[in-house]
N, C-alpha and C. Protein backbone atom coordinates (compact mmCIF):
# COMPACT_ATOMS: atom_id res chain seq x y z
N MET A 1 -48.05 -26.05 -49.33
CA MET A 1 -47.11 -26.29 -48.28
C MET A 1 -46.60 -27.76 -48.24
N MET A 2 -45.31 -27.79 -47.96
CA MET A 2 -44.57 -29.26 -47.97
C MET A 2 -43.70 -29.42 -46.60
N GLU A 3 -43.62 -30.76 -46.43
CA GLU A 3 -42.81 -30.95 -45.00
C GLU A 3 -41.35 -31.29 -45.53
N ARG A 4 -40.32 -30.83 -44.78
CA ARG A 4 -39.10 -31.30 -45.01
C ARG A 4 -38.56 -31.97 -43.63
N ALA A 5 -37.71 -33.26 -44.18
CA ALA A 5 -37.17 -33.93 -42.91
C ALA A 5 -35.79 -33.13 -42.47
N LEU A 6 -35.64 -33.19 -41.24
CA LEU A 6 -34.40 -32.32 -40.54
C LEU A 6 -33.41 -33.53 -40.13
N GLY A 7 -32.26 -33.05 -40.34
CA GLY A 7 -31.12 -33.97 -39.81
C GLY A 7 -30.87 -33.82 -38.24
N HIS A 8 -30.05 -34.47 -37.85
CA HIS A 8 -29.81 -34.65 -36.23
C HIS A 8 -29.26 -33.22 -35.98
N GLY A 9 -28.58 -32.55 -36.55
CA GLY A 9 -27.94 -31.28 -36.20
C GLY A 9 -28.87 -30.04 -36.30
N LEU A 10 -29.72 -30.16 -37.21
CA LEU A 10 -30.89 -29.12 -37.43
C LEU A 10 -32.03 -29.48 -36.28
N ARG A 11 -32.11 -30.69 -36.06
CA ARG A 11 -33.19 -30.89 -34.87
C ARG A 11 -32.61 -30.40 -33.62
N LEU A 12 -31.31 -30.43 -33.34
CA LEU A 12 -30.78 -30.05 -32.13
C LEU A 12 -30.77 -28.48 -31.95
N LEU A 13 -30.52 -27.87 -33.12
CA LEU A 13 -30.59 -26.41 -33.34
C LEU A 13 -31.85 -25.93 -33.08
N LEU A 14 -32.81 -26.60 -33.82
CA LEU A 14 -34.31 -26.12 -33.66
C LEU A 14 -34.79 -26.16 -32.08
N GLY A 15 -34.44 -27.40 -31.58
CA GLY A 15 -34.90 -27.53 -30.36
C GLY A 15 -34.15 -26.51 -29.41
N LEU A 16 -33.02 -26.22 -29.53
CA LEU A 16 -32.33 -25.26 -28.77
C LEU A 16 -33.10 -23.80 -28.87
N LEU A 17 -33.31 -23.32 -30.04
CA LEU A 17 -33.89 -22.17 -30.47
C LEU A 17 -35.31 -22.17 -29.73
N GLY A 18 -35.92 -23.16 -29.96
CA GLY A 18 -37.35 -23.24 -29.29
C GLY A 18 -37.37 -23.18 -28.07
N ALA A 19 -36.46 -23.75 -27.31
CA ALA A 19 -36.37 -23.80 -25.81
C ALA A 19 -36.13 -22.35 -25.24
N VAL A 20 -34.87 -21.76 -25.93
CA VAL A 20 -34.64 -20.32 -25.48
C VAL A 20 -35.78 -19.32 -25.96
N ALA A 21 -36.67 -19.62 -26.82
CA ALA A 21 -37.70 -18.57 -27.18
C ALA A 21 -38.74 -19.02 -26.17
N LEU A 22 -39.16 -20.04 -25.86
CA LEU A 22 -40.12 -20.39 -24.92
C LEU A 22 -39.78 -19.88 -23.37
N GLY A 23 -38.56 -20.07 -23.04
CA GLY A 23 -38.10 -19.58 -21.76
C GLY A 23 -38.01 -18.12 -21.45
N ALA A 24 -37.47 -17.50 -22.55
CA ALA A 24 -37.57 -16.01 -22.61
C ALA A 24 -38.89 -15.36 -22.62
N GLY A 25 -39.71 -15.99 -23.61
CA GLY A 25 -41.09 -15.41 -23.59
C GLY A 25 -41.80 -15.56 -22.26
N LEU A 26 -41.78 -16.64 -21.60
CA LEU A 26 -42.42 -16.82 -20.34
C LEU A 26 -41.69 -16.13 -19.20
N LEU A 27 -40.58 -15.96 -19.29
CA LEU A 27 -39.71 -15.06 -18.10
C LEU A 27 -39.94 -13.54 -18.15
N VAL A 28 -40.13 -13.13 -19.38
CA VAL A 28 -39.95 -11.62 -19.64
C VAL A 28 -41.44 -11.39 -19.38
N GLY A 29 -42.55 -12.17 -20.09
CA GLY A 29 -43.85 -11.91 -19.80
C GLY A 29 -44.42 -12.01 -18.31
N ALA A 30 -43.74 -13.00 -17.50
CA ALA A 30 -43.99 -12.96 -16.17
C ALA A 30 -43.63 -11.87 -15.29
N THR A 31 -42.28 -11.39 -15.77
CA THR A 31 -41.73 -10.21 -14.90
C THR A 31 -42.53 -8.90 -15.40
N ARG A 32 -42.87 -8.78 -16.51
CA ARG A 32 -43.83 -7.56 -17.02
C ARG A 32 -45.10 -7.71 -16.24
N LEU A 33 -45.88 -8.82 -16.23
CA LEU A 33 -47.19 -8.84 -15.32
C LEU A 33 -46.98 -8.63 -14.10
N ARG A 34 -45.84 -9.00 -13.47
CA ARG A 34 -45.45 -8.86 -12.09
C ARG A 34 -45.32 -7.30 -11.75
N GLU A 35 -44.54 -6.62 -12.65
CA GLU A 35 -44.24 -5.17 -12.63
C GLU A 35 -45.77 -4.51 -12.73
N ALA A 36 -46.72 -5.04 -13.56
CA ALA A 36 -47.86 -4.29 -13.66
C ALA A 36 -48.71 -4.49 -12.48
N TYR A 37 -48.66 -5.72 -11.73
CA TYR A 37 -49.43 -5.99 -10.43
C TYR A 37 -48.89 -4.98 -9.37
N ARG A 38 -47.56 -4.85 -9.44
CA ARG A 38 -46.80 -3.87 -8.34
C ARG A 38 -47.07 -2.32 -8.61
N GLY A 39 -47.57 -1.97 -9.71
CA GLY A 39 -47.94 -0.60 -9.85
C GLY A 39 -47.43 0.15 -11.07
N SER A 40 -46.64 -0.64 -12.03
CA SER A 40 -46.29 0.04 -13.23
C SER A 40 -47.43 0.42 -13.97
N PRO A 41 -47.48 1.11 -14.91
CA PRO A 41 -48.49 1.31 -15.91
C PRO A 41 -48.96 0.02 -16.71
N LEU A 42 -50.33 -0.20 -16.56
CA LEU A 42 -50.89 -1.32 -16.87
C LEU A 42 -50.65 -1.74 -18.42
N LEU A 43 -51.30 -0.65 -19.24
CA LEU A 43 -51.15 -0.83 -20.77
C LEU A 43 -50.00 -1.12 -21.26
N PRO A 44 -48.71 -0.56 -21.04
CA PRO A 44 -47.41 -1.05 -21.76
C PRO A 44 -47.19 -2.28 -21.25
N ALA A 45 -47.32 -2.70 -20.00
CA ALA A 45 -46.88 -3.99 -19.23
C ALA A 45 -47.80 -5.11 -20.00
N LEU A 46 -49.08 -4.91 -20.34
CA LEU A 46 -49.99 -5.87 -20.72
C LEU A 46 -49.58 -6.12 -22.40
N ALA A 47 -49.11 -4.91 -22.89
CA ALA A 47 -48.76 -5.01 -24.48
C ALA A 47 -47.50 -5.90 -24.50
N VAL A 48 -46.55 -5.78 -23.60
CA VAL A 48 -45.25 -6.45 -23.79
C VAL A 48 -45.50 -7.94 -23.35
N ALA A 49 -46.39 -8.18 -22.42
CA ALA A 49 -46.77 -9.53 -21.93
C ALA A 49 -47.41 -10.27 -23.07
N LEU A 50 -48.31 -9.65 -23.90
CA LEU A 50 -48.97 -10.33 -25.00
C LEU A 50 -47.85 -10.67 -26.09
N ILE A 51 -46.95 -9.67 -26.25
CA ILE A 51 -45.96 -9.95 -27.29
C ILE A 51 -44.99 -11.03 -26.68
N CYS A 52 -44.75 -11.22 -25.60
CA CYS A 52 -43.95 -12.40 -25.01
C CYS A 52 -44.63 -13.64 -25.22
N GLY A 53 -46.08 -13.55 -24.96
CA GLY A 53 -46.71 -14.65 -25.18
C GLY A 53 -46.74 -15.20 -26.39
N ALA A 54 -46.61 -14.42 -27.47
CA ALA A 54 -46.63 -14.93 -28.83
C ALA A 54 -45.33 -15.24 -29.06
N ALA A 55 -44.21 -14.83 -28.52
CA ALA A 55 -42.81 -15.33 -28.70
C ALA A 55 -42.72 -16.83 -28.10
N ALA A 56 -43.46 -17.02 -26.88
CA ALA A 56 -43.43 -18.29 -26.23
C ALA A 56 -44.27 -19.50 -27.25
N LEU A 57 -45.33 -18.88 -27.65
CA LEU A 57 -45.95 -19.95 -28.73
C LEU A 57 -45.10 -20.08 -29.86
N GLY A 58 -44.34 -19.12 -30.43
CA GLY A 58 -43.37 -19.57 -31.46
C GLY A 58 -42.34 -20.48 -30.96
N GLY A 59 -41.92 -20.40 -29.76
CA GLY A 59 -41.03 -21.32 -29.31
C GLY A 59 -41.57 -22.83 -29.17
N VAL A 60 -42.81 -22.85 -28.87
CA VAL A 60 -43.56 -24.24 -28.79
C VAL A 60 -43.56 -24.78 -30.09
N ALA A 61 -43.89 -24.01 -31.06
CA ALA A 61 -44.03 -24.50 -32.57
C ALA A 61 -42.55 -24.95 -32.89
N LEU A 62 -41.51 -24.33 -32.53
CA LEU A 62 -40.18 -24.69 -32.98
C LEU A 62 -39.79 -26.06 -32.18
N LEU A 63 -40.06 -26.05 -30.89
CA LEU A 63 -39.92 -27.37 -30.11
C LEU A 63 -40.76 -28.59 -30.82
N ARG A 64 -42.06 -28.39 -31.29
CA ARG A 64 -42.75 -29.32 -31.78
C ARG A 64 -42.13 -29.77 -33.43
N GLY A 65 -41.69 -28.87 -33.98
CA GLY A 65 -41.05 -29.44 -35.10
C GLY A 65 -39.68 -30.01 -34.74
N ALA A 66 -38.80 -29.71 -33.73
CA ALA A 66 -37.73 -30.49 -33.60
C ALA A 66 -38.16 -31.89 -32.94
N ILE A 67 -39.19 -32.04 -32.24
CA ILE A 67 -39.54 -33.39 -31.68
C ILE A 67 -40.00 -34.27 -32.79
N ARG A 68 -40.79 -33.74 -33.71
CA ARG A 68 -41.41 -34.46 -34.92
C ARG A 68 -40.12 -34.73 -35.94
N GLY A 69 -39.16 -33.85 -35.76
CA GLY A 69 -38.14 -34.19 -36.81
C GLY A 69 -38.47 -33.55 -38.22
N ARG A 70 -39.60 -32.77 -38.47
CA ARG A 70 -39.99 -32.33 -39.73
C ARG A 70 -40.57 -30.77 -39.54
N ILE A 71 -40.35 -30.04 -40.57
CA ILE A 71 -40.87 -28.74 -40.32
C ILE A 71 -41.68 -28.46 -41.78
N VAL A 72 -42.58 -27.53 -41.86
CA VAL A 72 -43.45 -27.26 -42.84
C VAL A 72 -42.85 -25.82 -43.57
N VAL A 73 -42.79 -26.16 -45.01
CA VAL A 73 -42.10 -25.01 -45.59
C VAL A 73 -42.84 -24.74 -46.84
N ARG A 74 -43.06 -23.55 -47.31
CA ARG A 74 -43.72 -23.04 -48.55
C ARG A 74 -42.88 -23.61 -49.75
N ARG A 75 -43.62 -24.00 -50.86
CA ARG A 75 -43.09 -24.28 -52.22
C ARG A 75 -42.67 -23.13 -52.81
N ASN A 76 -41.23 -23.17 -53.39
CA ASN A 76 -40.90 -22.06 -54.10
C ASN A 76 -41.50 -21.84 -55.40
N ARG A 77 -42.02 -20.70 -55.60
CA ARG A 77 -42.61 -20.26 -57.04
C ARG A 77 -41.61 -19.84 -57.90
N PRO A 78 -41.63 -20.44 -59.17
CA PRO A 78 -40.64 -19.86 -60.03
C PRO A 78 -40.91 -18.14 -60.31
N ARG A 79 -39.65 -17.58 -60.15
CA ARG A 79 -40.01 -16.24 -60.47
C ARG A 79 -40.27 -15.65 -61.95
N SER A 80 -41.02 -14.69 -62.19
CA SER A 80 -41.30 -14.54 -63.49
C SER A 80 -40.31 -13.50 -64.07
N ARG A 81 -39.77 -13.81 -65.30
CA ARG A 81 -39.11 -12.67 -65.75
C ARG A 81 -39.54 -11.70 -66.18
N MET A 82 -38.88 -10.50 -66.03
CA MET A 82 -39.39 -9.15 -66.46
C MET A 82 -39.07 -8.91 -67.98
N PRO A 83 -39.95 -8.34 -68.57
CA PRO A 83 -39.75 -8.23 -70.22
C PRO A 83 -38.86 -7.15 -70.45
């Protein structure tokens, strides 16, 4: 793994995407948990809330990269030629 520096435009875009993912994950997750509390089926609501939590954590990771100005990327492996 290696880190790449981001320019100002990419930092802005990454921050915007991270904020949207974080906000949407928290909002939808909270709505689903509220519906489960009010009588909706518990298991589907909890499953969706967990997925939304994962999306919110992804948003936090994007925001962290935007604040630092660097993101971690994999190194490209050379493709092997087929005989």
